[in-house]
Amino acid sequence: MLCPVCGTVDRGRLLYLFLVNKTDIFEKPKKLLHVAPEVCLPDILRSKANIDYLTADISQKNVMIEMDITDIQFPDESFDAIICNHVLEHIIDDGKAMSELYRTLKPGGWAILQVPLSLTLKNTYEDASITTEAAREQAFGQNDDVRIYAADYKDRLTHAGFTVEVFKWVDEAENFDGRRNLFGLNGDESVFFCQQAQINFRASALDER
């Protein structure tokens, strides 16, 4: 999972390849909010003249601003794109966080909102009575997680207002790493590509290129 050269994990590599192959983030002017930024990717995004880049987190020190995503300190329709991966599973009121991410996206803007996802559960498992680190680790697999997302994750995003496309990279392996999986991606991981409007990402991101 961990690259010995750059230090990225598989989900970070998938994110980068998705940005390259399925969006126009490197080609058109974008105001981008990146929450809890992954290893290596901030250096790439920050170096692009077309990207007005902002990193944020509630606790990380190596970000540009401190931010609680249940109360984002920006007005409506502030960002063309948002990346917020493996964050929502830590947020008690994830519905409020999803609504805030939706609110601050411009019409037609997009967000990539990845979470750890159970492939066996139909419904997200959460229990507000579980509050200690030890109990959360036993229940959710990590001591700062508050739920295990399941097959209904897309429905939760849709309820917040997003139009959601679930992209399976294995269906377009030739554009990502070839059949030999040269980048060591997780074949079970899909990308949750969320938009403010009913615009298919293949049309909005690829056909305009």
Protein backbone atom coordinates (compact mmCIF):
# COMPACT_ATOMS: atom_id res chain seq x y z
CA MET A 1 0.00 0.00 0.00
CA LEU A 2 2.82 2.44 0.87
CA CYS A 3 5.13 3.66 -1.89
CA PRO A 4 8.75 3.41 -0.68
CA VAL A 5 9.77 6.31 -2.93
CA CYS A 6 7.18 9.07 -2.38
CA GLY A 7 5.40 7.83 0.73
CA THR A 8 1.90 7.84 -0.76
CA VAL A 9 -0.70 5.20 0.03
CA ASP A 10 -2.89 3.61 -2.62
CA ARG A 11 -5.82 6.00 -2.17
CA GLY A 12 -3.54 8.99 -2.73
CA ARG A 13 -2.25 7.51 -5.96
CA LEU A 14 -5.81 6.78 -7.11
CA LEU A 15 -6.79 10.38 -6.34
CA TYR A 16 -3.92 11.78 -8.40
CA LEU A 17 -4.64 9.51 -11.35
CA PHE A 18 -8.33 10.43 -11.22
CA LEU A 19 -7.50 14.14 -11.22
CA VAL A 20 -5.24 13.67 -14.24
CA ASN A 21 -7.51 11.41 -16.25
CA LYS A 22 -11.03 12.46 -15.29
CA THR A 23 -10.95 16.19 -14.45
CA ASP A 24 -9.62 19.43 -15.91
CA ILE A 25 -8.01 20.54 -12.62
CA PHE A 26 -4.58 20.96 -14.25
CA GLU A 27 -5.90 22.81 -17.30
CA LYS A 28 -8.47 25.42 -16.28
CA PRO A 29 -8.57 28.09 -13.54
CA LYS A 30 -9.85 26.52 -10.32
CA LYS A 31 -10.26 27.63 -6.73
CA LEU A 32 -9.57 24.41 -4.84
CA LEU A 33 -10.15 23.58 -1.18
CA HIS A 34 -8.14 20.57 -0.01
CA VAL A 35 -9.12 19.27 3.44
CA ALA A 36 -6.64 17.07 5.33
CA PRO A 37 -4.28 16.97 2.31
CA GLU A 38 -2.60 13.74 1.32
CA VAL A 39 1.17 13.25 1.16
CA CYS A 40 2.87 14.69 -1.97
CA LEU A 41 -0.25 15.94 -3.72
CA PRO A 42 -0.19 19.45 -2.16
CA ASP A 43 3.22 20.14 -3.69
CA ILE A 44 1.88 19.23 -7.12
CA LEU A 45 -1.32 21.25 -6.82
CA ARG A 46 0.40 24.26 -5.28
CA SER A 47 2.86 24.42 -8.17
CA LYS A 48 0.15 24.87 -10.82
CA ALA A 49 -0.45 28.49 -11.80
CA ASN A 50 -4.08 27.84 -12.75
CA ILE A 51 -5.02 26.57 -9.27
CA ASP A 52 -5.91 28.94 -6.42
CA TYR A 53 -5.03 26.40 -3.77
CA LEU A 54 -6.11 26.31 -0.11
CA THR A 55 -5.34 23.56 2.41
CA ALA A 56 -7.31 23.21 5.63
CA ASP A 57 -7.69 20.94 8.64
CA ILE A 58 -8.98 21.15 12.17
CA SER A 59 -5.79 19.82 13.74
CA GLN A 60 -2.97 19.37 11.19
CA LYS A 61 -0.19 21.94 11.53
CA ASN A 62 1.11 21.91 7.95
CA VAL A 63 -2.02 23.46 6.42
CA MET A 64 -2.87 27.02 5.45
CA ILE A 65 -5.92 27.50 7.68
CA GLU A 66 -7.65 25.79 10.60
CA MET A 67 -11.13 24.68 9.59
CA ASP A 68 -14.06 22.77 11.05
CA ILE A 69 -15.93 21.37 8.05
CA THR A 70 -19.23 21.45 9.94
CA ASP A 71 -18.84 25.26 9.99
CA ILE A 72 -16.79 26.35 6.97
CA GLN A 73 -15.79 30.02 7.25
CA PHE A 74 -16.40 30.85 3.60
CA PRO A 75 -19.49 32.18 1.85
CA ASP A 76 -21.74 30.19 -0.43
CA GLU A 77 -20.31 29.15 -3.81
CA SER A 78 -16.68 29.84 -2.90
CA PHE A 79 -14.90 26.90 -4.52
CA ASP A 80 -14.73 25.31 -7.95
CA ALA A 81 -13.51 22.04 -6.45
CA ILE A 82 -13.10 20.38 -3.05
CA ILE A 83 -11.03 17.36 -2.07
CA CYS A 84 -11.95 15.93 1.32
CA ASN A 85 -10.83 12.33 1.68
CA HIS A 86 -10.99 10.07 4.74
CA VAL A 87 -12.37 12.86 6.91
CA LEU A 88 -16.12 12.32 7.21
CA GLU A 89 -15.74 9.08 9.16
CA HIS A 90 -14.28 11.21 12.00
CA ILE A 91 -17.11 13.78 12.04
CA ILE A 92 -19.99 13.21 14.46
CA ASP A 93 -22.43 15.33 12.44
CA ASP A 94 -21.40 14.21 8.98
CA GLY A 95 -24.67 15.44 7.49
CA LYS A 96 -23.82 18.98 8.54
CA ALA A 97 -20.32 18.59 7.08
CA MET A 98 -21.70 17.32 3.76
CA SER A 99 -24.15 20.25 3.66
CA GLU A 100 -21.34 22.73 4.29
CA LEU A 101 -19.20 21.21 1.54
CA TYR A 102 -22.17 21.43 -0.82
CA ARG A 103 -22.96 25.01 0.22
CA THR A 104 -19.46 26.28 -0.51
CA LEU A 105 -19.22 24.67 -3.96
CA LYS A 106 -19.97 26.82 -6.97
CA PRO A 107 -22.81 25.65 -9.26
CA GLY A 108 -21.30 22.98 -11.49
CA GLY A 109 -18.40 22.57 -9.09
CA TRP A 110 -17.25 19.18 -7.92
CA ALA A 111 -15.97 17.43 -4.81
CA ILE A 112 -14.14 14.16 -4.28
CA LEU A 113 -15.31 12.76 -0.93
CA GLN A 114 -13.67 9.41 -0.21
CA VAL A 115 -14.24 7.43 3.00
CA PRO A 116 -13.32 3.98 4.26
CA LEU A 117 -16.18 1.82 3.02
CA SER A 118 -17.41 -1.58 4.12
CA LEU A 119 -18.10 -3.91 1.21
CA THR A 120 -20.26 -6.21 3.34
CA LEU A 121 -22.60 -3.84 5.19
CA LYS A 122 -25.74 -2.45 3.54
CA ASN A 123 -26.24 0.33 6.08
CA THR A 124 -23.72 2.62 7.72
CA TYR A 125 -22.97 1.55 11.28
CA GLU A 126 -22.76 4.26 13.93
CA ASP A 127 -23.54 4.47 17.62
CA ALA A 128 -23.39 7.83 19.39
CA SER A 129 -23.10 6.12 22.77
CA ILE A 130 -19.63 4.84 21.84
CA THR A 131 -17.32 7.65 22.93
CA THR A 132 -14.03 6.28 24.27
CA GLU A 133 -11.03 5.68 22.04
CA ALA A 134 -10.82 2.02 23.03
CA ALA A 135 -14.49 1.40 22.34
CA ARG A 136 -14.38 3.24 19.02
CA GLU A 137 -11.38 1.22 17.90
CA GLN A 138 -13.22 -1.98 18.74
CA ALA A 139 -16.46 -0.88 17.08
CA PHE A 140 -15.23 1.07 14.07
CA GLY A 141 -11.66 -0.12 13.54
CA GLN A 142 -9.91 3.12 14.50
CA ASN A 143 -9.94 5.05 17.75
CA ASP A 144 -10.96 8.37 16.21
CA ASP A 145 -13.61 7.01 13.82
CA VAL A 146 -17.29 7.42 14.70
CA ARG A 147 -18.86 5.16 12.05
CA ILE A 148 -18.30 2.57 9.35
CA TYR A 149 -19.77 3.69 6.04
CA ALA A 150 -21.53 1.13 3.90
CA ALA A 151 -23.48 0.80 0.65
CA ASP A 152 -25.75 3.69 1.64
CA TYR A 153 -22.91 6.24 1.58
CA LYS A 154 -23.98 7.53 -1.83
CA ASP A 155 -27.51 8.07 -0.49
CA ARG A 156 -26.15 10.18 2.37
CA LEU A 157 -24.27 12.39 -0.10
CA THR A 158 -27.35 12.68 -2.31
CA HIS A 159 -29.43 13.69 0.71
CA ALA A 160 -27.03 16.61 1.22
CA GLY A 161 -27.82 17.79 -2.32
CA PHE A 162 -24.99 16.30 -4.36
CA THR A 163 -25.29 14.56 -7.67
CA VAL A 164 -23.00 11.55 -7.20
CA GLU A 165 -21.18 9.40 -9.71
CA VAL A 166 -19.34 6.35 -8.42
CA PHE A 167 -16.34 5.75 -10.65
CA LYS A 168 -14.68 2.32 -10.71
CA TRP A 169 -11.14 2.71 -11.97
CA VAL A 170 -10.90 -1.00 -12.86
CA ASP A 171 -13.40 -0.31 -15.66
CA GLU A 172 -10.83 2.01 -17.25
CA ALA A 173 -7.64 0.35 -16.07
CA GLU A 174 -5.78 1.27 -19.24
CA ASN A 175 -6.08 4.95 -18.27
CA PHE A 176 -4.86 4.39 -14.75
CA ASP A 177 -2.17 1.78 -14.53
CA GLY A 178 -2.75 -0.96 -17.03
CA ARG A 179 -3.96 -4.45 -16.22
CA ARG A 180 -0.81 -5.23 -14.25
CA ASN A 181 -1.77 -2.67 -11.58
CA LEU A 182 1.58 -0.92 -11.79
CA PHE A 183 0.56 1.74 -9.25
CA GLY A 184 -0.64 -0.75 -6.65
CA LEU A 185 -4.23 0.52 -6.49
CA ASN A 186 -7.02 -1.10 -4.50
CA GLY A 187 -9.31 -2.79 -7.01
CA ASP A 188 -12.26 -2.49 -4.62
CA GLU A 189 -12.01 1.28 -4.20
CA SER A 190 -14.27 3.55 -6.22
CA VAL A 191 -14.14 7.35 -6.46
CA PHE A 192 -17.18 9.28 -5.18
CA PHE A 193 -17.36 12.24 -7.54
CA CYS A 194 -19.95 14.71 -6.25
CA GLN A 195 -21.35 17.75 -8.04
CA GLN A 196 -23.60 20.73 -7.42
CA ALA A 197 -25.58 20.12 -10.59
CA GLN A 198 -26.72 17.32 -12.87
CA ILE A 199 -23.57 17.29 -15.01
CA ASN A 200 -21.93 14.00 -15.91
CA PHE A 201 -18.25 14.23 -14.97
CA ARG A 202 -17.16 12.62 -18.24
CA ALA A 203 -18.90 15.40 -20.13
CA SER A 204 -17.96 18.27 -17.85
CA ALA A 205 -14.35 17.29 -17.28
CA LEU A 206 -13.34 15.37 -20.38
CA ASP A 207 -15.42 16.64 -23.29
CA GLU A 208 -14.45 20.24 -22.51
CA ARG A 209 -10.73 19.44 -22.63
